[in-house]
């Protein structure tokens, strides 16, 4: 897989911060094994002292903030700690749902295998969900997490019986275009591939305060795979 040029990912930059539109399939930080490319390594080739202020799952795309100096890093880290950063995600979920700023308040604990689960003795986790669009068998959902637990949105949507398309870890099935397109023909001997090869979750908007207190909001456009998924669900509704 060819990785993009870091500069092409930048949505916002000033003397303290860079906000990028993270592509899917790239980890934010070093993974436990191997030396695969990741966002932080790419960023440090662009600017030496960059630090990631938070992280997105490897398969999740969207707005990711990086700090260019220690003071900026501390400033934004404190905002995350104090829940002063506003994060807004879009997810394509299985099923037709009418969520109107619905709160899920279910604690989460991490397990030893890179997975998390809902658990009464876990850490508090809250997410608000709102329906944006409904299709034949799916819903485009706006997700606003208050806390930042591991796999929080994915687990909370599973709890609402609205697992994310492609999220096989938490109850979501792969989506095949043949399930909604009546005249779908495969070439003989070919096997149909999932329409999106990851779970359909995108960090669409990020808001925080700069060092001088000035608020900033950055919106991240959908990457191609997410955009084309939504366009097809609309088309074949």
Protein backbone atom coordinates (compact mmCIF):
# COMPACT_ATOMS: atom_id res chain seq x y z
CA UNK A 1 0.00 0.00 0.00
CA UNK A 2 1.38 3.40 -1.02
CA UNK A 3 1.35 5.90 1.83
CA UNK A 4 0.46 9.56 1.18
CA UNK A 5 2.80 12.53 1.47
CA UNK A 6 2.39 13.96 4.99
CA UNK A 7 2.00 17.53 3.69
CA UNK A 8 -1.00 16.43 1.64
CA UNK A 9 -2.77 15.37 4.84
CA UNK A 10 -2.55 18.78 6.58
CA UNK A 11 -5.90 20.51 7.19
CA UNK A 12 -4.60 23.22 9.56
CA UNK A 13 -1.18 24.42 10.69
CA UNK A 14 0.18 27.29 12.77
CA UNK A 15 3.34 27.76 14.87
CA UNK A 16 2.06 25.33 17.55
CA UNK A 17 -0.27 22.75 16.01
CA UNK A 18 -0.85 20.61 12.94
CA UNK A 19 -4.23 18.98 12.35
CA UNK A 20 -4.25 16.30 9.66
CA UNK A 21 -6.87 14.16 7.95
CA UNK A 22 -5.49 10.77 8.97
CA UNK A 23 -5.97 8.12 6.30
CA UNK A 24 -7.20 4.65 7.28
CA UNK A 25 -4.73 1.77 7.73
CA UNK A 26 -2.01 3.98 9.27
CA UNK A 27 -1.37 3.70 13.01
CA UNK A 28 -1.01 6.96 14.96
CA UNK A 29 2.00 5.73 16.96
CA UNK A 30 4.43 2.82 16.84
CA UNK A 31 2.72 -0.52 17.11
CA UNK A 32 4.04 -3.20 19.45
CA UNK A 33 5.81 -5.14 16.72
CA UNK A 34 7.50 -4.20 13.50
CA UNK A 35 8.63 -0.91 12.05
CA UNK A 36 5.66 -0.12 9.81
CA UNK A 37 5.17 3.53 8.83
CA UNK A 38 2.94 5.51 11.16
CA UNK A 39 1.65 9.06 11.48
CA UNK A 40 4.16 10.15 14.13
CA UNK A 41 7.17 8.98 12.10
CA UNK A 42 5.86 10.71 8.98
CA UNK A 43 5.17 13.88 10.97
CA UNK A 44 8.70 13.97 12.45
CA UNK A 45 10.20 13.95 8.99
CA UNK A 46 8.18 17.11 8.40
CA UNK A 47 8.86 18.75 11.81
CA UNK A 48 11.36 17.30 14.34
CA UNK A 49 9.61 17.88 17.67
CA UNK A 50 6.08 16.82 16.78
CA UNK A 51 4.06 14.84 19.33
CA UNK A 52 0.63 13.24 18.85
CA UNK A 53 -1.87 14.80 21.28
CA UNK A 54 -4.30 11.86 21.01
CA UNK A 55 -4.72 8.83 18.79
CA UNK A 56 -7.16 7.29 16.36
CA UNK A 57 -7.48 3.55 15.79
CA UNK A 58 -5.48 2.33 12.82
CA UNK A 59 -8.62 1.79 10.71
CA UNK A 60 -10.28 5.05 11.76
CA UNK A 61 -9.80 8.04 9.46
CA UNK A 62 -10.16 11.73 10.17
CA UNK A 63 -9.05 14.74 12.21
CA UNK A 64 -5.93 14.15 14.33
CA UNK A 65 -4.05 16.88 16.24
CA UNK A 66 -0.26 17.06 16.60
CA UNK A 67 1.73 19.53 18.68
CA UNK A 68 4.92 21.16 17.35
CA UNK A 69 6.44 22.01 20.75
CA UNK A 70 6.24 20.80 24.38
CA UNK A 71 4.18 23.77 25.59
CA UNK A 72 1.55 23.21 22.89
CA UNK A 73 1.49 19.49 23.70
CA UNK A 74 0.89 20.15 27.42
CA UNK A 75 -1.78 22.74 26.64
CA UNK A 76 -3.83 20.40 24.44
CA UNK A 77 -3.21 17.34 26.65
CA UNK A 78 -4.77 19.24 29.56
CA UNK A 79 -7.79 20.06 27.42
CA UNK A 80 -8.22 16.37 26.62
CA UNK A 81 -7.83 15.49 30.30
CA UNK A 82 -10.42 18.10 31.32
CA UNK A 83 -12.81 17.04 28.51
CA UNK A 84 -12.63 20.46 26.90
CA UNK A 85 -11.89 19.09 23.42
CA UNK A 86 -14.92 18.52 21.20
CA UNK A 87 -14.72 15.45 18.94
CA UNK A 88 -17.37 14.50 16.41
CA UNK A 89 -17.37 11.26 14.41
CA UNK A 90 -19.49 9.77 11.64
CA UNK A 91 -20.18 6.03 11.49
CA UNK A 92 -22.18 3.86 9.11
CA UNK A 93 -24.11 1.42 11.29
CA UNK A 94 -26.14 -1.67 10.55
CA UNK A 95 -29.91 -1.32 10.94
CA UNK A 96 -32.29 1.62 10.76
CA UNK A 97 -32.15 3.75 13.88
CA UNK A 98 -33.61 7.07 14.98
CA UNK A 99 -31.19 8.47 17.54
CA UNK A 100 -31.84 12.00 18.82
CA UNK A 101 -28.83 13.00 20.91
CA UNK A 102 -29.13 9.63 22.64
CA UNK A 103 -26.70 9.13 25.51
CA UNK A 104 -24.99 5.83 26.16
CA UNK A 105 -23.41 5.83 29.61
CA UNK A 106 -21.73 2.44 29.92
CA UNK A 107 -18.33 1.83 31.51
CA UNK A 108 -15.54 0.18 29.52
CA UNK A 109 -12.55 -1.92 30.49
CA UNK A 110 -9.70 -3.03 28.25
CA UNK A 111 -8.74 -6.67 27.98
CA UNK A 112 -5.25 -8.00 27.38
CA UNK A 113 -5.79 -8.78 23.69
CA UNK A 114 -6.19 -5.30 22.22
CA UNK A 115 -9.91 -5.49 22.78
CA UNK A 116 -12.28 -3.73 25.16
CA UNK A 117 -15.64 -4.60 26.67
CA UNK A 118 -18.53 -3.04 28.54
CA UNK A 119 -18.07 -3.71 32.25
CA UNK A 120 -19.63 -2.25 35.39
CA UNK A 121 -16.22 -2.05 37.04
CA UNK A 122 -14.62 -0.40 34.00
CA UNK A 123 -13.85 3.29 33.49
CA UNK A 124 -16.80 5.65 32.93
CA UNK A 125 -17.62 6.21 29.25
CA UNK A 126 -20.27 8.45 27.69
CA UNK A 127 -21.21 9.00 24.03
CA UNK A 128 -24.08 10.90 22.39
CA UNK A 129 -25.58 9.56 19.14
CA UNK A 130 -27.71 11.34 16.52
CA UNK A 131 -29.09 9.93 13.27
CA UNK A 132 -27.97 11.89 10.20
CA UNK A 133 -29.42 9.74 7.38
CA UNK A 134 -31.16 6.39 7.03
CA UNK A 135 -30.91 4.01 4.07
CA UNK A 136 -32.42 0.62 3.20
CA UNK A 137 -30.59 -1.34 5.90
CA UNK A 138 -28.11 1.16 7.35
CA UNK A 139 -27.86 4.45 9.25
CA UNK A 140 -25.32 7.27 9.08
CA UNK A 141 -24.77 8.21 12.72
CA UNK A 142 -23.12 11.25 14.32
CA UNK A 143 -21.16 10.19 17.41
CA UNK A 144 -19.96 12.66 20.06
CA UNK A 145 -17.81 11.01 22.75
CA UNK A 146 -17.54 12.82 26.08
CA UNK A 147 -14.79 10.50 27.35
CA UNK A 148 -11.99 8.87 25.36
CA UNK A 149 -11.95 5.17 26.18
CA UNK A 150 -10.51 2.47 23.96
CA UNK A 151 -12.98 1.49 21.18
CA UNK A 152 -15.66 3.57 22.93
CA UNK A 153 -17.85 4.49 19.94
CA UNK A 154 -17.64 0.98 18.52
CA UNK A 155 -18.70 -0.63 21.82
CA UNK A 156 -21.47 1.87 22.50
CA UNK A 157 -22.96 1.39 19.03
CA UNK A 158 -22.83 -2.37 19.56
CA UNK A 159 -24.72 -1.79 22.84
CA UNK A 160 -27.40 0.12 20.87
CA UNK A 161 -27.65 -2.86 18.47
CA UNK A 162 -26.22 -0.62 15.75
CA UNK A 163 -22.77 -2.14 15.14
CA UNK A 164 -20.53 -0.38 12.63
CA UNK A 165 -20.29 -1.74 9.09
CA UNK A 166 -17.11 -3.82 8.82
CA UNK A 167 -16.49 -3.89 12.59
CA UNK A 168 -16.39 -7.67 12.92
CA UNK A 169 -14.70 -7.35 16.34
CA UNK A 170 -17.83 -5.76 17.83
CA UNK A 171 -20.76 -7.35 16.03
CA UNK A 172 -20.65 -5.53 12.69
CA UNK A 173 -20.75 -7.50 9.45
CA UNK A 174 -18.97 -6.68 6.21
CA UNK A 175 -21.10 -4.88 3.61
CA UNK A 176 -21.43 -6.20 0.06
CA UNK A 177 -22.82 -4.05 -2.74
CA UNK A 178 -24.76 -7.04 -4.12
CA UNK A 179 -27.00 -6.84 -1.02
CA UNK A 180 -28.57 -3.56 -2.23
CA UNK A 181 -27.76 -3.36 -5.97
CA UNK A 182 -30.24 -5.51 -7.91
CA UNK A 183 -28.25 -5.86 -11.12
CA UNK A 184 -24.92 -6.69 -9.55
CA UNK A 185 -22.84 -8.99 -11.72
CA UNK A 186 -19.52 -10.57 -10.86
CA UNK A 187 -17.07 -11.85 -13.42
CA UNK A 188 -17.05 -15.62 -13.53
CA UNK A 189 -14.66 -17.12 -10.99
CA UNK A 190 -14.36 -13.88 -9.01
CA UNK A 191 -15.40 -13.58 -5.40
CA UNK A 192 -17.13 -10.41 -4.24
CA UNK A 193 -15.04 -8.31 -1.86
CA UNK A 194 -16.44 -6.22 1.03
CA UNK A 195 -17.31 -2.76 -0.24
CA UNK A 196 -15.22 -1.12 2.50
CA UNK A 197 -12.29 -3.08 3.86
CA UNK A 198 -12.29 -1.54 7.36
CA UNK A 199 -14.87 -0.47 9.91
CA UNK A 200 -16.74 2.61 8.71
CA UNK A 201 -15.76 5.21 11.31
CA UNK A 202 -14.45 8.71 10.53
CA UNK A 203 -13.41 11.58 12.85
CA UNK A 204 -15.24 14.38 11.05
CA UNK A 205 -14.58 17.38 13.32
CA UNK A 206 -12.19 18.45 16.09
CA UNK A 207 -12.42 21.62 18.22
CA UNK A 208 -9.96 22.90 20.83
CA UNK A 209 -8.35 26.11 22.13
CA UNK A 210 -4.99 27.33 20.86
CA UNK A 211 -2.28 28.55 23.28
CA UNK A 212 -3.69 32.11 23.18
CA UNK A 213 -7.16 30.79 24.05
CA UNK A 214 -8.53 31.27 20.55
CA UNK A 215 -10.94 28.43 19.64
CA UNK A 216 -10.33 26.43 16.49
CA UNK A 217 -12.57 23.93 14.71
CA UNK A 218 -11.20 21.72 11.94
CA UNK A 219 -13.40 19.59 9.70
CA UNK A 220 -12.03 16.52 7.92
CA UNK A 221 -13.62 15.45 4.62
CA UNK A 222 -14.46 11.78 4.15
CA UNK A 223 -11.72 9.66 2.57
CA UNK A 224 -12.64 7.97 -0.70
CA UNK A 225 -13.76 4.61 0.73
CA UNK A 226 -16.14 6.18 3.28
CA UNK A 227 -17.46 8.76 0.80
CA UNK A 228 -18.20 6.15 -1.88
CA UNK A 229 -19.91 3.89 0.68
CA UNK A 230 -22.28 6.71 1.71
CA UNK A 231 -22.90 7.70 -1.93
CA UNK A 232 -23.86 4.13 -2.85
CA UNK A 233 -26.15 3.72 0.16
CA UNK A 234 -27.91 6.93 -0.89
CA UNK A 235 -28.11 5.87 -4.54
CA UNK A 236 -29.61 2.44 -3.91
CA UNK A 237 -31.89 3.47 -1.06
